[in-house]
PDB file of N, CA and C in Angstrom:
ATOM      1  N   MET A   1      30.650  97.571 103.670  1.00  0.00           N
ATOM      2  CA  MET A   1      30.093  98.006 104.939  1.00  0.00           C
ATOM      3  C   MET A   1      30.210  96.870 105.948  1.00  0.00           C
ATOM      4  N   TRP A   2      30.879  97.121 107.017  1.00  0.00           N
ATOM      5  CA  TRP A   2      31.040  96.106 108.053  1.00  0.00           C
ATOM      6  C   TRP A   2      29.834  96.139 108.963  1.00  0.00           C
ATOM      7  N   ASN A   3      29.475  94.996 109.476  1.00  0.00           N
ATOM      8  CA  ASN A   3      28.304  94.892 110.325  1.00  0.00           C
ATOM      9  C   ASN A   3      28.740  94.548 111.746  1.00  0.00           C
ATOM     10  N   ILE A   4      28.967  95.579 112.536  1.00  0.00           N
ATOM     11  CA  ILE A   4      29.346  95.399 113.940  1.00  0.00           C
ATOM     12  C   ILE A   4      28.281  96.089 114.769  1.00  0.00           C
ATOM     13  N   SER A   5      27.818  95.436 115.797  1.00  0.00           N
ATOM     14  CA  SER A   5      26.760  96.041 116.600  1.00  0.00           C
ATOM     15  C   SER A   5      27.276  97.265 117.350  1.00  0.00           C
ATOM     16  N   ILE A   6      26.374  98.188 117.563  1.00  0.00           N
ATOM     17  CA  ILE A   6      26.721  99.388 118.324  1.00  0.00           C
ATOM     18  C   ILE A   6      27.112  99.003 119.751  1.00  0.00           C
ATOM     19  N   ASN A   7      26.504  97.939 120.265  1.00  0.00           N
ATOM     20  CA  ASN A   7      26.847  97.485 121.615  1.00  0.00           C
ATOM     21  C   ASN A   7      28.295  97.009 121.695  1.00  0.00           C
ATOM     22  N   ALA A   8      28.757  96.327 120.650  1.00  0.00           N
ATOM     23  CA  ALA A   8      30.151  95.871 120.628  1.00  0.00           C
ATOM     24  C   ALA A   8      31.093  97.058 120.583  1.00  0.00           C
ATOM     25  N   LYS A   9      30.747  98.062 119.793  1.00  0.00           N
ATOM     26  CA  LYS A   9      31.577  99.266 119.710  1.00  0.00           C
ATOM     27  C   LYS A   9      31.625  99.991 121.050  1.00  0.00           C
ATOM     28  N   LYS A  10      30.461 100.120 121.680  1.00  0.00           N
ATOM     29  CA  LYS A  10      30.399 100.814 122.972  1.00  0.00           C
ATOM     30  C   LYS A  10      31.178 100.052 124.039  1.00  0.00           C
ATOM     31  N   ALA A  11      31.033  98.742 124.060  1.00  0.00           N
ATOM     32  CA  ALA A  11      31.747  97.932 125.053  1.00  0.00           C
ATOM     33  C   ALA A  11      33.253  98.087 124.892  1.00  0.00           C
ATOM     34  N   PHE A  12      33.726  98.055 123.652  1.00  0.00           N
ATOM     35  CA  PHE A  12      35.154  98.220 123.399  1.00  0.00           C
ATOM     36  C   PHE A  12      35.614  99.597 123.860  1.00  0.00           C
ATOM     37  N   SER A  13      34.836 100.604 123.552  1.00  0.00           N
ATOM     38  CA  SER A  13      35.178 101.972 123.947  1.00  0.00           C
ATOM     39  C   SER A  13      35.276 102.097 125.465  1.00  0.00           C
ATOM     40  N   LYS A  14      34.359 101.473 126.172  1.00  0.00           N
ATOM     41  CA  LYS A  14      34.375 101.526 127.636  1.00  0.00           C
ATOM     42  C   LYS A  14      35.589 100.796 128.204  1.00  0.00           C
ATOM     43  N   CYS A  15      35.908  99.658 127.622  1.00  0.00           N
ATOM     44  CA  CYS A  15      37.030  98.852 128.126  1.00  0.00           C
ATOM     45  C   CYS A  15      38.379  99.527 127.915  1.00  0.00           C
ATOM     46  N   THR A  16      38.448 100.401 126.949  1.00  0.00           N
ATOM     47  CA  THR A  16      39.715 101.065 126.645  1.00  0.00           C
ATOM     48  C   THR A  16      39.687 102.544 127.022  1.00  0.00           C
ATOM     49  N   ALA A  17      38.756 102.913 127.893  1.00  0.00           N
ATOM     50  CA  ALA A  17      38.572 104.323 128.261  1.00  0.00           C
ATOM     51  C   ALA A  17      39.703 104.880 129.118  1.00  0.00           C
ATOM     52  N   LEU A  18      40.444 104.017 129.786  1.00  0.00           N
ATOM     53  CA  LEU A  18      41.483 104.492 130.696  1.00  0.00           C
ATOM     54  C   LEU A  18      42.810 103.791 130.427  1.00  0.00           C
ATOM     55  N   PRO A  19      43.596 104.333 129.514  1.00  0.00           N
ATOM     56  CA  PRO A  19      44.919 103.747 129.300  1.00  0.00           C
ATOM     57  C   PRO A  19      45.833 104.050 130.485  1.00  0.00           C
ATOM     58  N   ILE A  20      46.687 103.101 130.804  1.00  0.00           N
ATOM     59  CA  ILE A  20      47.654 103.319 131.881  1.00  0.00           C
ATOM     60  C   ILE A  20      49.037 102.931 131.376  1.00  0.00           C
ATOM     61  N   HIS A  21      50.051 103.429 132.069  1.00  0.00           N
ATOM     62  CA  HIS A  21      51.424 103.085 131.696  1.00  0.00           C
ATOM     63  C   HIS A  21      51.678 101.615 131.983  1.00  0.00           C
ATOM     64  N   GLU A  22      52.441 101.001 131.100  1.00  0.00           N
ATOM     65  CA  GLU A  22      52.667  99.568 131.200  1.00  0.00           C
ATOM     66  C   GLU A  22      53.826  99.177 132.102  1.00  0.00           C
ATOM     67  N   THR A  23      54.809 100.047 132.269  1.00  0.00           N
ATOM     68  CA  THR A  23      55.998  99.667 133.032  1.00  0.00           C
ATOM     69  C   THR A  23      56.390 100.753 134.025  1.00  0.00           C
ATOM     70  N   ASP A  24      57.221 100.361 134.974  1.00  0.00           N
ATOM     71  CA  ASP A  24      57.772 101.334 135.917  1.00  0.00           C
ATOM     72  C   ASP A  24      58.589 102.385 135.175  1.00  0.00           C
ATOM     73  N   GLU A  25      59.288 101.945 134.142  1.00  0.00           N
ATOM     74  CA  GLU A  25      60.104 102.878 133.361  1.00  0.00           C
ATOM     75  C   GLU A  25      59.230 103.927 132.675  1.00  0.00           C
ATOM     76  N   ASP A  26      58.075 103.507 132.150  1.00  0.00           N
ATOM     77  CA  ASP A  26      57.143 104.465 131.537  1.00  0.00           C
ATOM     78  C   ASP A  26      56.693 105.502 132.563  1.00  0.00           C
ATOM     79  N   TRP A  27      56.401 105.033 133.771  1.00  0.00           N
ATOM     80  CA  TRP A  27      55.986 105.956 134.831  1.00  0.00           C
ATOM     81  C   TRP A  27      57.110 106.918 135.181  1.00  0.00           C
ATOM     82  N   GLU A  28      58.326 106.397 135.303  1.00  0.00           N
ATOM     83  CA  GLU A  28      59.469 107.256 135.639  1.00  0.00           C
ATOM     84  C   GLU A  28      59.640 108.367 134.609  1.00  0.00           C
ATOM     85  N   ILE A  29      59.526 108.016 133.348  1.00  0.00           N
ATOM     86  CA  ILE A  29      59.664 109.014 132.281  1.00  0.00           C
ATOM     87  C   ILE A  29      58.552 110.050 132.375  1.00  0.00           C
ATOM     88  N   THR A  30      57.327 109.587 132.532  1.00  0.00           N
ATOM     89  CA  THR A  30      56.185 110.505 132.617  1.00  0.00           C
ATOM     90  C   THR A  30      56.311 111.434 133.810  1.00  0.00           C
ATOM     91  N   LEU A  31      56.665 110.891 134.956  1.00  0.00           N
ATOM     92  CA  LEU A  31      56.798 111.713 136.163  1.00  0.00           C
ATOM     93  C   LEU A  31      57.934 112.722 136.023  1.00  0.00           C
ATOM     94  N   ARG A  32      59.041 112.285 135.451  1.00  0.00           N
ATOM     95  CA  ARG A  32      60.174 113.189 135.251  1.00  0.00           C
ATOM     96  C   ARG A  32      59.803 114.322 134.287  1.00  0.00           C
ATOM     97  N   GLU A  33      59.183 113.968 133.173  1.00  0.00           N
ATOM     98  CA  GLU A  33      58.793 114.985 132.192  1.00  0.00           C
ATOM     99  C   GLU A  33      57.767 115.956 132.767  1.00  0.00           C
ATOM    100  N   ALA A  34      56.819 115.448 133.527  1.00  0.00           N
ATOM    101  CA  ALA A  34      55.818 116.321 134.146  1.00  0.00           C
ATOM    102  C   ALA A  34      56.481 117.278 135.121  1.00  0.00           C
ATOM    103  N   ASN A  35      57.442 116.776 135.884  1.00  0.00           N
ATOM    104  CA  ASN A  35      58.170 117.609 136.832  1.00  0.00           C
ATOM    105  C   ASN A  35      58.959 118.695 136.103  1.00  0.00           C
ATOM    106  N   GLU A  36      59.629 118.304 135.019  1.00  0.00           N
ATOM    107  CA  GLU A  36      60.420 119.263 134.242  1.00  0.00           C
ATOM    108  C   GLU A  36      59.546 120.353 133.627  1.00  0.00           C
ATOM    109  N   GLU A  37      58.320 119.985 133.248  1.00  0.00           N
ATOM    110  CA  GLU A  37      57.414 120.936 132.605  1.00  0.00           C
ATOM    111  C   GLU A  37      56.512 121.654 133.604  1.00  0.00           C
ATOM    112  N   GLY A  38      56.661 121.321 134.879  1.00  0.00           N
ATOM    113  CA  GLY A  38      55.844 121.955 135.906  1.00  0.00           C
ATOM    114  C   GLY A  38      54.383 121.522 135.875  1.00  0.00           C
ATOM    115  N   GLU A  39      54.128 120.358 135.310  1.00  0.00           N
ATOM    116  CA  GLU A  39      52.764 119.838 135.210  1.00  0.00           C
ATOM    117  C   GLU A  39      52.410 119.053 136.471  1.00  0.00           C
ATOM    118  N   ASP A  40      51.191 119.234 136.942  1.00  0.00           N
ATOM    119  CA  ASP A  40      50.697 118.456 138.076  1.00  0.00           C
ATOM    120  C   ASP A  40      50.064 117.185 137.518  1.00  0.00           C
ATOM    121  N   ILE A  41      50.886 116.182 137.291  1.00  0.00           N
ATOM    122  CA  ILE A  41      50.444 114.960 136.630  1.00  0.00           C
ATOM    123  C   ILE A  41      49.388 114.224 137.443  1.00  0.00           C
ATOM    124  N   HIS A  42      49.464 114.284 138.757  1.00  0.00           N
ATOM    125  CA  HIS A  42      48.497 113.569 139.590  1.00  0.00           C
ATOM    126  C   HIS A  42      47.099 114.159 139.433  1.00  0.00           C
ATOM    127  N   THR A  43      47.013 115.476 139.324  1.00  0.00           N
ATOM    128  CA  THR A  43      45.720 116.122 139.104  1.00  0.00           C
ATOM    129  C   THR A  43      45.179 115.753 137.727  1.00  0.00           C
ATOM    130  N   THR A  44      46.045 115.720 136.745  1.00  0.00           N
ATOM    131  CA  THR A  44      45.644 115.330 135.392  1.00  0.00           C
ATOM    132  C   THR A  44      45.125 113.899 135.381  1.00  0.00           C
ATOM    133  N   LEU A  45      45.841 113.003 136.047  1.00  0.00           N
ATOM    134  CA  LEU A  45      45.429 111.602 136.091  1.00  0.00           C
ATOM    135  C   LEU A  45      44.106 111.433 136.828  1.00  0.00           C
ATOM    136  N   LYS A  46      43.919 112.192 137.907  1.00  0.00           N
ATOM    137  CA  LYS A  46      42.649 112.131 138.638  1.00  0.00           C
ATOM    138  C   LYS A  46      41.498 112.580 137.753  1.00  0.00           C
ATOM    139  N   ALA A  47      41.716 113.624 136.962  1.00  0.00           N
ATOM    140  CA  ALA A  47      40.674 114.118 136.055  1.00  0.00           C
ATOM    141  C   ALA A  47      40.350 113.072 134.988  1.00  0.00           C
ATOM    142  N   GLU A  48      41.373 112.416 134.461  1.00  0.00           N
ATOM    143  CA  GLU A  48      41.157 111.368 133.460  1.00  0.00           C
ATOM    144  C   GLU A  48      40.362 110.209 134.056  1.00  0.00           C
ATOM    145  N   LEU A  49      40.696 109.841 135.278  1.00  0.00           N
ATOM    146  CA  LEU A  49      39.989 108.760 135.952  1.00  0.00           C
ATOM    147  C   LEU A  49      38.532 109.135 136.190  1.00  0.00           C
ATOM    148  N   LYS A  50      38.315 110.352 136.646  1.00  0.00           N
ATOM    149  CA  LYS A  50      36.947 110.821 136.904  1.00  0.00           C
ATOM    150  C   LYS A  50      36.118 110.784 135.624  1.00  0.00           C
ATOM    151  N   GLU A  51      36.725 111.188 134.517  1.00  0.00           N
ATOM    152  CA  GLU A  51      36.027 111.209 133.233  1.00  0.00           C
ATOM    153  C   GLU A  51      35.648 109.800 132.764  1.00  0.00           C
ATOM    154  N   ALA A  52      36.484 108.824 133.035  1.00  0.00           N
ATOM    155  CA  ALA A  52      36.259 107.458 132.561  1.00  0.00           C
ATOM    156  C   ALA A  52      35.503 106.586 133.561  1.00  0.00           C
ATOM    157  N   LYS A  53      35.342 107.047 134.778  1.00  0.00           N
ATOM    158  CA  LYS A  53      34.834 106.207 135.864  1.00  0.00           C
ATOM    159  C   LYS A  53      33.462 105.599 135.581  1.00  0.00           C
ATOM    160  N   ALA A  54      32.507 106.384 135.133  1.00  0.00           N
ATOM    161  CA  ALA A  54      31.151 105.869 134.916  1.00  0.00           C
ATOM    162  C   ALA A  54      31.144 104.740 133.884  1.00  0.00           C
ATOM    163  N   GLU A  55      31.888 104.924 132.811  1.00  0.00           N
ATOM    164  CA  GLU A  55      31.949 103.877 131.792  1.00  0.00           C
ATOM    165  C   GLU A  55      32.660 102.635 132.311  1.00  0.00           C
ATOM    166  N   LEU A  56      33.740 102.837 133.035  1.00  0.00           N
ATOM    167  CA  LEU A  56      34.488 101.697 133.562  1.00  0.00           C
ATOM    168  C   LEU A  56      33.667 100.891 134.566  1.00  0.00           C
ATOM    169  N   MET A  57      32.848 101.570 135.343  1.00  0.00           N
ATOM    170  CA  MET A  57      32.024 100.869 136.334  1.00  0.00           C
ATOM    171  C   MET A  57      31.095  99.855 135.664  1.00  0.00           C
ATOM    172  N   GLN A  58      30.772 100.079 134.414  1.00  0.00           N
ATOM    173  CA  GLN A  58      29.865  99.190 133.689  1.00  0.00           C
ATOM    174  C   GLN A  58      30.557  97.938 133.156  1.00  0.00           C
ATOM    175  N   VAL A  59      31.866  97.973 133.009  1.00  0.00           N
ATOM    176  CA  VAL A  59      32.548  96.863 132.338  1.00  0.00           C
ATOM    177  C   VAL A  59      33.701  96.238 133.124  1.00  0.00           C
ATOM    178  N   LEU A  60      34.231  96.949 134.090  1.00  0.00           N
ATOM    179  CA  LEU A  60      35.399  96.429 134.815  1.00  0.00           C
ATOM    180  C   LEU A  60      35.056  95.197 135.641  1.00  0.00           C
ATOM    181  N   PRO A  61      35.924  94.217 135.626  1.00  0.00           N
ATOM    182  CA  PRO A  61      35.766  93.104 136.564  1.00  0.00           C
ATOM    183  C   PRO A  61      35.848  93.630 138.004  1.00  0.00           C
ATOM    184  N   SER A  62      35.156  92.983 138.896  1.00  0.00           N
ATOM    185  CA  SER A  62      35.043  93.457 140.282  1.00  0.00           C
ATOM    186  C   SER A  62      36.393  93.610 140.972  1.00  0.00           C
ATOM    187  N   ARG A  63      37.389  92.848 140.559  1.00  0.00           N
ATOM    188  CA  ARG A  63      38.693  92.931 141.223  1.00  0.00           C
ATOM    189  C   ARG A  63      39.361  94.293 141.031  1.00  0.00           C
ATOM    190  N   PHE A  64      38.931  95.066 140.025  1.00  0.00           N
ATOM    191  CA  PHE A  64      39.525  96.380 139.786  1.00  0.00           C
ATOM    192  C   PHE A  64      38.730  97.526 140.406  1.00  0.00           C
ATOM    193  N   ILE A  65      37.515  97.258 140.828  1.00  0.00           N
ATOM    194  CA  ILE A  65      36.640  98.317 141.343  1.00  0.00           C
ATOM    195  C   ILE A  65      37.251  99.044 142.540  1.00  0.00           C
ATOM    196  N   PRO A  66      37.859  98.356 143.506  1.00  0.00           N
ATOM    197  CA  PRO A  66      38.449  99.097 144.631  1.00  0.00           C
ATOM    198  C   PRO A  66      39.493 100.126 144.183  1.00  0.00           C
ATOM    199  N   PHE A  67      40.247  99.812 143.156  1.00  0.00           N
ATOM    200  CA  PHE A  67      41.283 100.725 142.663  1.00  0.00           C
ATOM    201  C   PHE A  67      40.674 101.874 141.861  1.00  0.00           C
ATOM    202  N   LEU A  68      39.548 101.599 141.237  1.00  0.00           N
ATOM    203  CA  LEU A  68      38.810 102.662 140.557  1.00  0.00           C
ATOM    204  C   LEU A  68      38.195 103.598 141.595  1.00  0.00           C
ATOM    205  N   GLU A  69      37.612 103.012 142.620  1.00  0.00           N
ATOM    206  CA  GLU A  69      36.950 103.797 143.669  1.00  0.00           C
ATOM    207  C   GLU A  69      37.934 104.648 144.472  1.00  0.00           C
ATOM    208  N   ASN A  70      39.107 104.105 144.777  1.00  0.00           N
ATOM    209  CA  ASN A  70      40.053 104.882 145.596  1.00  0.00           C
ATOM    210  C   ASN A  70      40.971 105.771 144.754  1.00  0.00           C
ATOM    211  N   GLY A  71      40.772 105.749 143.432  1.00  0.00           N
ATOM    212  CA  GLY A  71      41.496 106.666 142.559  1.00  0.00           C
ATOM    213  C   GLY A  71      42.913 106.269 142.194  1.00  0.00           C
ATOM    214  N   THR A  72      43.283 105.019 142.409  1.00  0.00           N
ATOM    215  CA  THR A  72      44.665 104.611 142.125  1.00  0.00           C
ATOM    216  C   THR A  72      44.828 103.816 140.831  1.00  0.00           C
ATOM    217  N   LEU A  73      43.734 103.533 140.131  1.00  0.00           N
ATOM    218  CA  LEU A  73      43.818 102.667 138.954  1.00  0.00           C
ATOM    219  C   LEU A  73      44.762 103.205 137.887  1.00  0.00           C
ATOM    220  N   ASN A  74      44.865 104.512 137.772  1.00  0.00           N
ATOM    221  CA  ASN A  74      45.776 105.081 136.769  1.00  0.00           C
ATOM    222  C   ASN A  74      46.895 105.900 137.404  1.00  0.00           C
ATOM    223  N   GLN A  75      47.249 105.553 138.617  1.00  0.00           N
ATOM    224  CA  GLN A  75      48.302 106.265 139.344  1.00  0.00           C
ATOM    225  C   GLN A  75      49.557 105.390 139.444  1.00  0.00           C
ATOM    226  N   PRO A  76      50.719 106.000 139.615  1.00  0.00           N
ATOM    227  CA  PRO A  76      51.953 105.212 139.719  1.00  0.00           C
ATOM    228  C   PRO A  76      52.011 104.330 140.968  1.00  0.00           C
ATOM    229  N   VAL A  77      51.159 104.583 141.957  1.00  0.00           N
ATOM    230  CA  VAL A  77      51.166 103.778 143.183  1.00  0.00           C
ATOM    231  C   VAL A  77      50.377 102.478 143.038  1.00  0.00           C
ATOM    232  N   LEU A  78      49.720 102.286 141.894  1.00  0.00           N
ATOM    233  CA  LEU A  78      48.974 101.050 141.675  1.00  0.00           C
ATOM    234  C   LEU A  78      49.946  99.869 141.757  1.00  0.00           C
ATOM    235  N   PRO A  79      49.626  98.859 142.562  1.00  0.00           N
ATOM    236  CA  PRO A  79      50.531  97.706 142.658  1.00  0.00           C
ATOM    237  C   PRO A  79      50.795  97.090 141.278  1.00  0.00           C
ATOM    238  N   LYS A  80      52.032  96.692 141.079  1.00  0.00           N
ATOM    239  CA  LYS A  80      52.463  96.179 139.777  1.00  0.00           C
ATOM    240  C   LYS A  80      51.619  94.986 139.326  1.00  0.00           C
ATOM    241  N   ASP A  81      51.273  94.081 140.244  1.00  0.00           N
ATOM    242  CA  ASP A  81      50.477  92.917 139.852  1.00  0.00           C
ATOM    243  C   ASP A  81      49.079  93.327 139.394  1.00  0.00           C
ATOM    244  N   VAL A  82      48.509  94.339 140.021  1.00  0.00           N
ATOM    245  CA  VAL A  82      47.195  94.840 139.607  1.00  0.00           C
ATOM    246  C   VAL A  82      47.316  95.523 138.244  1.00  0.00           C
ATOM    247  N   ARG A  83      48.363  96.316 138.080  1.00  0.00           N
ATOM    248  CA  ARG A  83      48.594  96.983 136.796  1.00  0.00           C
ATOM    249  C   ARG A  83      48.704  95.954 135.676  1.00  0.00           C
ATOM    250  N   ASN A  84      49.505  94.921 135.883  1.00  0.00           N
ATOM    251  CA  ASN A  84      49.686  93.891 134.862  1.00  0.00           C
ATOM    252  C   ASN A  84      48.387  93.150 134.575  1.00  0.00           C
ATOM    253  N   ASP A  85      47.619  92.878 135.616  1.00  0.00           N
ATOM    254  CA  ASP A  85      46.334  92.204 135.459  1.00  0.00           C
ATOM    255  C   ASP A  85      45.362  93.084 134.667  1.00  0.00           C
ATOM    256  N   TYR A  86      45.324  94.377 134.994  1.00  0.00           N
ATOM    257  CA  TYR A  86      44.455  95.319 134.277  1.00  0.00           C
ATOM    258  C   TYR A  86      44.858  95.400 132.803  1.00  0.00           C
ATOM    259  N   LEU A  87      46.146  95.524 132.545  1.00  0.00           N
ATOM    260  CA  LEU A  87      46.626  95.596 131.163  1.00  0.00           C
ATOM    261  C   LEU A  87      46.292  94.318 130.395  1.00  0.00           C
ATOM    262  N   GLN A  88      46.403  93.191 131.059  1.00  0.00           N
ATOM    263  CA  GLN A  88      46.058  91.922 130.422  1.00  0.00           C
ATOM    264  C   GLN A  88      44.561  91.883 130.104  1.00  0.00           C
ATOM    265  N   TRP A  89      43.740  92.380 131.013  1.00  0.00           N
ATOM    266  CA  TRP A  89      42.297  92.428 130.778  1.00  0.00           C
ATOM    267  C   TRP A  89      41.979  93.325 129.578  1.00  0.00           C
ATOM    268  N   VAL A  90      42.608  94.497 129.507  1.00  0.00           N
ATOM    269  CA  VAL A  90      42.383  95.411 128.380  1.00  0.00           C
ATOM    270  C   VAL A  90      42.798  94.734 127.072  1.00  0.00           C
ATOM    271  N   ARG A  91      43.951  94.081 127.070  1.00  0.00           N
ATOM    272  CA  ARG A  91      44.413  93.393 125.855  1.00  0.00           C
ATOM    273  C   ARG A  91      43.423  92.312 125.418  1.00  0.00           C
ATOM    274  N   LYS A  92      42.876  91.592 126.387  1.00  0.00           N
ATOM    275  CA  LYS A  92      41.894  90.548 126.080  1.00  0.00           C
ATOM    276  C   LYS A  92      40.660  91.166 125.428  1.00  0.00           C
ATOM    277  N   GLN A  93      40.215  92.309 125.940  1.00  0.00           N
ATOM    278  CA  GLN A  93      39.059  92.992 125.346  1.00  0.00           C
ATOM    279  C   GLN A  93      39.384  93.458 123.930  1.00  0.00           C
ATOM    280  N   GLU A  94      40.603  93.904 123.714  1.00  0.00           N
ATOM    281  CA  GLU A  94      41.033  94.312 122.370  1.00  0.00           C
ATOM    282  C   GLU A  94      41.029  93.119 121.420  1.00  0.00           C
ATOM    283  N   GLU A  95      41.490  91.967 121.900  1.00  0.00           N
ATOM    284  CA  GLU A  95      41.493  90.751 121.076  1.00  0.00           C
ATOM    285  C   GLU A  95      40.077  90.349 120.697  1.00  0.00           C
ATOM    286  N   ILE A  96      39.170  90.417 121.654  1.00  0.00           N
ATOM    287  CA  ILE A  96      37.772  90.072 121.389  1.00  0.00           C
ATOM    288  C   ILE A  96      37.202  90.992 120.318  1.00  0.00           C
ATOM    289  N   PHE A  97      37.466  92.285 120.438  1.00  0.00           N
ATOM    290  CA  PHE A  97      36.944  93.237 119.460  1.00  0.00           C
ATOM    291  C   PHE A  97      37.571  93.016 118.087  1.00  0.00           C
ATOM    292  N   GLU A  98      38.860  92.717 118.050  1.00  0.00           N
ATOM    293  CA  GLU A  98      39.522  92.448 116.772  1.00  0.00           C
ATOM    294  C   GLU A  98      38.917  91.227 116.087  1.00  0.00           C
ATOM    295  N   LYS A  99      38.557  90.213 116.865  1.00  0.00           N
ATOM    296  CA  LYS A  99      37.910  89.029 116.284  1.00  0.00           C
ATOM    297  C   LYS A  99      36.545  89.396 115.717  1.00  0.00           C
ATOM    298  N   LEU A 100      35.821  90.271 116.412  1.00  0.00           N
ATOM    299  CA  LEU A 100      34.540  90.745 115.888  1.00  0.00           C
ATOM    300  C   LEU A 100      34.737  91.504 114.581  1.00  0.00           C
ATOM    301  N   LEU A 101      35.765  92.337 114.533  1.00  0.00           N
ATOM    302  CA  LEU A 101      36.061  93.077 113.302  1.00  0.00           C
ATOM    303  C   LEU A 101      36.384  92.128 112.149  1.00  0.00           C
ATOM    304  N   GLU A 102      37.191  91.122 112.438  1.00  0.00           N
ATOM    305  CA  GLU A 102      37.550  90.150 111.403  1.00  0.00           C
ATOM    306  C   GLU A 102      36.322  89.407 110.900  1.00  0.00           C
ATOM    307  N   ALA A 103      35.452  89.008 111.821  1.00  0.00           N
ATOM    308  CA  ALA A 103      34.233  88.299 111.430  1.00  0.00           C
ATOM    309  C   ALA A 103      33.326  89.205 110.603  1.00  0.00           C
ATOM    310  N   ALA A 104      33.221  90.461 110.993  1.00  0.00           N
ATOM    311  CA  ALA A 104      32.398  91.411 110.238  1.00  0.00           C
ATOM    312  C   ALA A 104      32.980  91.632 108.849  1.00  0.00           C
ATOM    313  N   TYR A 105      34.286  91.723 108.751  1.00  0.00           N
ATOM    314  CA  TYR A 105      34.941  91.895 107.453  1.00  0.00           C
ATOM    315  C   TYR A 105      34.681  90.682 106.560  1.00  0.00           C
ATOM    316  N   ASP A 106      34.859  89.495 107.129  1.00  0.00           N
ATOM    317  CA  ASP A 106      34.620  88.272 106.359  1.00  0.00           C
ATOM    318  C   ASP A 106      33.175  88.210 105.874  1.00  0.00           C
ATOM    319  N   GLN A 107      32.255  88.578 106.738  1.00  0.00           N
ATOM    320  CA  GLN A 107      30.837  88.579 106.382  1.00  0.00           C
ATOM    321  C   GLN A 107      30.576  89.569 105.245  1.00  0.00           C
ATOM    322  N   SER A 108      31.188  90.725 105.310  1.00  0.00           N
ATOM    323  CA  SER A 108      31.021  91.731 104.257  1.00  0.00           C
ATOM    324  C   SER A 108      31.609  91.256 102.936  1.00  0.00           C
ATOM    325  N   GLU A 109      32.768  90.607 103.009  1.00  0.00           N
ATOM    326  CA  GLU A 109      33.397  90.084 101.794  1.00  0.00           C
ATOM    327  C   GLU A 109      32.513  89.026 101.133  1.00  0.00           C
ATOM    328  N   LYS A 110      31.929  88.149 101.931  1.00  0.00           N
ATOM    329  CA  LYS A 110      31.052  87.109 101.387  1.00  0.00           C
ATOM    330  C   LYS A 110      29.811  87.733 100.765  1.00  0.00           C
ATOM    331  N   ALA A 111      29.263  88.733 101.420  1.00  0.00           N
ATOM    332  CA  ALA A 111      28.077  89.403 100.884  1.00  0.00           C
ATOM    333  C   ALA A 111      28.416  90.133  99.594  1.00  0.00           C
ATOM    334  N   ALA A 112      29.553  90.781  99.550  1.00  0.00           N
ATOM    335  CA  ALA A 112      29.956  91.522  98.352  1.00  0.00           C
ATOM    336  C   ALA A 112      30.155  90.586  97.163  1.00  0.00           C
ATOM    337  N   ALA A 113      30.605  89.384  97.423  1.00  0.00           N
ATOM    338  CA  ALA A 113      30.820  88.417  96.345  1.00  0.00           C
ATOM    339  C   ALA A 113      29.505  88.012  95.684  1.00  0.00           C
ATOM    340  N   ASN A 114      28.408  88.157  96.393  1.00  0.00           N
ATOM    341  CA  ASN A 114      27.100  87.778  95.863  1.00  0.00           C
ATOM    342  C   ASN A 114      26.357  88.933  95.210  1.00  0.00           C
ATOM    343  N   LEU A 115      26.939  90.105  95.223  1.00  0.00           N
ATOM    344  CA  LEU A 115      26.303  91.262  94.596  1.00  0.00           C
ATOM    345  C   LEU A 115      26.482  91.194  93.085  1.00  0.00           C
ATOM    346  N   PRO A 116      25.496  91.702  92.345  1.00  0.00           N
ATOM    347  CA  PRO A 116      25.656  91.713  90.887  1.00  0.00           C
ATOM    348  C   PRO A 116      26.754  92.689  90.486  1.00  0.00           C
ATOM    349  N   PRO A 117      27.447  92.399  89.401  1.00  0.00           N
ATOM    350  CA  PRO A 117      28.509  93.316  88.947  1.00  0.00           C
ATOM    351  C   PRO A 117      27.904  94.648  88.504  1.00  0.00           C
ATOM    352  N   THR A 118      28.663  95.706  88.717  1.00  0.00           N
ATOM    353  CA  THR A 118      28.202  97.027  88.294  1.00  0.00           C
ATOM    354  C   THR A 118      28.724  97.315  86.902  1.00  0.00           C
ATOM    355  N   ALA A 119      28.029  98.178  86.221  1.00  0.00           N
ATOM    356  CA  ALA A 119      28.413  98.501  84.841  1.00  0.00           C
ATOM    357  C   ALA A 119      29.595  99.408  84.787  1.00  0.00           C
TER     358      ALA A 119
END
């Protein structure tokens, strides 16, 4: 049994609530496929942003709030430098959570080593 706080789990969930495309090429593919399938991708992205907004407001660094507020954080018009900065921030949060997982695993392994053997 790993011992990770519920707060750590919630924080990680909030930080990763809004995935975005990493490259211009990813956006081009998504936009092309949406067009071919007759999907209104911008409406879909707006709905995803709306769904994640409350959680993101609790954890996002202030530099991203204007893009969250104006609805461009997960849109293809987001400036590339902001996109890269956001992706780097998400990756950093993932690294922090992975370190917590590793520490919890190590703690569980040490505790298990001290348990009496079962019959």
